[in-house]
Amino acid sequence: MAKLYFHYSTMNAGKSTLLLQAAHNYQEMGMNTFLLTADFDSRSGEGKIGSRIGFAKKATTYGKDDDLFDMIQTRQTKGQLACVMVDEAQWLSKAQVWQLARAADDLTVPVMCYGLRVDFRGELFPGSATLLALADDLREVRTICHCGRKATMVIRKDEHGKALISGDQVVVGGNETYQSLCRRHWREATES
């Protein structure tokens, strides 16, 4: 039976690197994968999943209103899929997570999602909340705070490096915008 997986963490934990490594392993064994990423995330180039260490791979993009079950079912007509992999899964809608669960259940293809658990305000993303509720297998990808503790939170920084406590939930950015922290240092950064 195929499963829905959620690999979650904070920024800079290597989630995209893990996705790209897993995709490489499948493809090296002659197995087909279907990589998906949000259409508005072009940090690594249009239609690409990239990691901070320089690896990148072409992916199919999806929009906020796309039916991912239909996309996967259509892709399966071109050949059996060994795995579907979704980068930045926190940006999925609740409906899209249910579509991925249905793909695992009805199309019997494993679906591996990689994404953030919480935003810079310490709140769950809709996609992450639904994945935490529906995934068959939850896997935490660990990274560390500057103090050496496990980082579980992330701050969004303004142009002066000060932690923001309000704003849009989704702002695409990297190390210049976000920093992973343990809960204690996140509290200190956001309370000042």
Protein backbone atom coordinates (compact mmCIF):
# COMPACT_ATOMS: atom_id res chain seq x y z
CA MET A 1 0.00 0.00 0.00
CA ALA A 2 1.32 3.43 -0.95
CA LYS A 3 1.69 6.06 1.75
CA LEU A 4 1.58 9.83 2.14
CA TYR A 5 4.78 11.08 3.80
CA PHE A 6 5.54 14.46 5.33
CA HIS A 7 9.18 15.43 5.88
CA TYR A 8 9.08 18.67 7.89
CA SER A 9 11.48 21.07 9.52
CA THR A 10 12.54 24.70 9.64
CA MET A 11 14.60 26.59 7.07
CA ASN A 12 18.07 25.32 6.16
CA ALA A 13 17.51 21.74 7.32
CA GLY A 14 18.13 20.23 3.88
CA LYS A 15 14.59 19.19 2.96
CA SER A 16 15.02 20.00 -0.75
CA THR A 17 18.41 18.29 -0.74
CA LEU A 18 16.79 15.13 0.68
CA LEU A 19 14.06 15.30 -1.97
CA LEU A 20 16.62 15.65 -4.77
CA GLN A 21 18.73 12.79 -3.36
CA ALA A 22 15.68 10.51 -3.12
CA ALA A 23 14.64 11.42 -6.69
CA HIS A 24 18.17 10.65 -7.90
CA ASN A 25 18.11 7.25 -6.15
CA TYR A 26 14.80 6.30 -7.78
CA GLN A 27 15.94 7.45 -11.21
CA GLU A 28 19.29 5.70 -10.91
CA MET A 29 17.34 2.45 -10.47
CA GLY A 30 15.33 3.19 -13.63
CA MET A 31 12.19 4.23 -11.76
CA ASN A 32 10.04 7.21 -12.76
CA THR A 33 9.38 10.04 -10.34
CA PHE A 34 7.08 13.04 -10.62
CA LEU A 35 8.47 16.18 -8.97
CA LEU A 36 6.12 19.05 -8.12
CA THR A 37 6.75 22.59 -6.91
CA ALA A 38 4.65 25.74 -6.53
CA ASP A 39 4.45 27.92 -9.64
CA PHE A 40 5.38 31.09 -7.73
CA ASP A 41 8.66 29.75 -6.27
CA SER A 42 11.33 30.59 -8.82
CA ARG A 43 14.35 30.87 -6.48
CA SER A 44 16.13 28.05 -8.38
CA GLY A 45 14.63 29.01 -11.74
CA GLU A 46 11.22 28.49 -13.28
CA GLY A 47 10.01 24.92 -12.83
CA LYS A 48 12.99 23.78 -10.77
CA ILE A 49 13.56 22.40 -7.31
CA GLY A 50 16.91 23.50 -5.95
CA SER A 51 18.92 23.16 -2.78
CA ARG A 52 21.19 25.66 -1.10
CA ILE A 53 24.18 23.42 -1.80
CA GLY A 54 23.71 23.85 -5.52
CA PHE A 55 21.73 20.83 -6.73
CA ALA A 56 18.66 21.40 -8.88
CA LYS A 57 16.24 19.36 -10.95
CA LYS A 58 13.36 20.15 -13.30
CA ALA A 59 9.90 19.86 -11.78
CA THR A 60 6.32 20.32 -12.84
CA THR A 61 4.74 23.42 -11.36
CA TYR A 62 1.27 23.63 -9.89
CA GLY A 63 -0.93 26.59 -9.05
CA LYS A 64 -3.12 27.16 -6.02
CA ASP A 65 -6.21 25.97 -7.88
CA ASP A 66 -4.71 22.94 -9.64
CA ASP A 67 -6.04 19.46 -8.87
CA LEU A 68 -2.95 17.45 -7.96
CA PHE A 69 -4.77 14.12 -8.16
CA ASP A 70 -5.66 14.87 -11.78
CA MET A 71 -2.09 15.98 -12.52
CA ILE A 72 -0.67 12.74 -11.08
CA GLN A 73 -3.26 10.57 -12.83
CA THR A 74 -2.49 12.28 -16.16
CA ARG A 75 1.25 11.83 -15.60
CA GLN A 76 0.71 8.11 -14.90
CA THR A 77 -0.66 7.67 -18.44
CA LYS A 78 2.93 8.28 -19.65
CA GLY A 79 4.33 5.44 -17.55
CA GLN A 80 4.18 3.94 -14.08
CA LEU A 81 5.35 6.25 -11.30
CA ALA A 82 7.49 4.94 -8.46
CA CYS A 83 7.02 8.09 -6.39
CA VAL A 84 5.56 11.61 -6.38
CA MET A 85 7.67 14.25 -4.59
CA VAL A 86 6.38 17.68 -3.56
CA ASP A 87 8.74 20.48 -2.50
CA GLU A 88 7.66 23.37 -0.23
CA ALA A 89 4.56 21.41 0.78
CA GLN A 90 3.57 24.01 3.37
CA TRP A 91 2.13 26.06 0.47
CA LEU A 92 -0.36 23.35 -0.51
CA SER A 93 -4.01 24.03 0.16
CA LYS A 94 -6.01 21.73 2.40
CA ALA A 95 -7.81 20.42 -0.71
CA GLN A 96 -4.51 19.70 -2.46
CA VAL A 97 -3.24 17.66 0.50
CA TRP A 98 -6.43 15.60 0.33
CA GLN A 99 -5.80 15.16 -3.43
CA LEU A 100 -2.31 13.83 -2.65
CA ALA A 101 -3.72 11.46 -0.03
CA ARG A 102 -6.22 10.22 -2.61
CA ALA A 103 -3.37 9.68 -5.10
CA ALA A 104 -1.54 7.52 -2.56
CA ASP A 105 -4.72 5.59 -1.76
CA ASP A 106 -6.37 5.23 -5.18
CA LEU A 107 -3.44 5.43 -7.61
CA THR A 108 -1.19 3.43 -5.27
CA VAL A 109 1.78 5.74 -5.71
CA PRO A 110 3.85 6.89 -2.71
CA VAL A 111 3.68 10.66 -2.20
CA MET A 112 6.56 12.33 -0.36
CA CYS A 113 6.00 15.92 0.76
CA TYR A 114 8.78 18.17 2.06
CA GLY A 115 8.08 21.46 3.80
CA LEU A 116 8.05 23.79 6.75
CA ARG A 117 5.90 23.00 9.77
CA VAL A 118 5.40 26.56 11.09
CA ASP A 119 5.69 30.08 9.74
CA PHE A 120 7.64 33.03 11.19
CA ARG A 121 4.74 33.74 13.58
CA GLY A 122 4.90 30.23 15.05
CA GLU A 123 1.67 29.20 13.31
CA LEU A 124 1.05 26.16 11.15
CA PHE A 125 0.79 26.63 7.40
CA PRO A 126 -2.53 25.25 6.02
CA GLY A 127 -0.69 22.63 3.96
CA SER A 128 1.45 21.57 6.91
CA ALA A 129 -1.52 21.39 9.28
CA THR A 130 -3.37 19.11 6.88
CA LEU A 131 -0.28 16.98 6.25
CA LEU A 132 0.26 16.58 10.00
CA ALA A 133 -3.34 15.35 10.22
CA LEU A 134 -3.37 13.06 7.17
CA ALA A 135 0.14 11.76 6.52
CA ASP A 136 0.78 8.08 7.11
CA ASP A 137 4.38 8.78 8.04
CA LEU A 138 5.80 11.95 9.65
CA ARG A 139 9.56 12.51 9.50
CA GLU A 140 11.28 15.43 11.18
CA VAL A 141 14.38 16.76 9.43
CA ARG A 142 16.54 18.34 12.10
CA THR A 143 18.67 21.45 12.02
CA ILE A 144 20.19 23.56 14.76
CA CYS A 145 19.88 27.03 16.24
CA HIS A 146 22.97 29.21 16.66
CA CYS A 147 23.08 28.03 20.30
CA GLY A 148 23.37 24.36 19.29
CA ARG A 149 19.84 23.33 20.30
CA LYS A 150 17.41 21.82 17.82
CA ALA A 151 15.77 24.57 15.74
CA THR A 152 12.00 24.24 15.62
CA MET A 153 11.00 27.81 14.75
CA VAL A 154 11.89 30.39 12.11
CA ILE A 155 11.95 34.17 12.12
CA ARG A 156 11.51 36.50 9.16
CA LYS A 157 13.95 39.41 9.29
CA ASP A 158 13.49 42.95 8.04
CA GLU A 159 16.22 44.82 6.14
CA HIS A 160 17.94 45.61 9.48
CA GLY A 161 17.92 42.01 10.72
CA LYS A 162 15.09 42.60 13.23
CA ALA A 163 12.49 39.83 13.61
CA LEU A 164 9.10 40.63 12.10
CA ILE A 165 6.00 39.57 14.00
CA SER A 166 3.34 40.34 11.40
CA GLY A 167 2.89 40.28 7.65
CA ASP A 168 1.87 37.92 4.88
CA GLN A 169 2.32 34.26 5.78
CA VAL A 170 4.04 33.47 2.48
CA VAL A 171 7.04 35.51 1.39
CA VAL A 172 9.54 33.55 -0.70
CA GLY A 173 13.09 34.04 0.52
CA GLY A 174 16.26 32.42 1.75
CA ASN A 175 18.98 33.05 4.32
CA GLU A 176 18.75 36.80 3.76
CA THR A 177 15.12 36.72 4.92
CA TYR A 178 14.76 33.83 7.34
CA GLN A 179 16.67 32.30 10.26
CA SER A 180 15.99 29.02 12.06
CA LEU A 181 16.00 29.18 15.86
CA CYS A 182 15.15 27.09 18.90
CA ARG A 183 11.92 28.06 20.63
CA ARG A 184 13.74 30.05 23.35
CA HIS A 185 15.69 32.20 20.90
CA TRP A 186 12.59 32.61 18.68
CA ARG A 187 10.68 33.93 21.72
CA GLU A 188 13.54 36.32 22.56
CA ALA A 189 13.72 37.57 18.97
CA THR A 190 9.97 38.10 18.60
CA GLU A 191 9.33 39.63 22.04
CA SER A 192 11.84 42.46 21.71
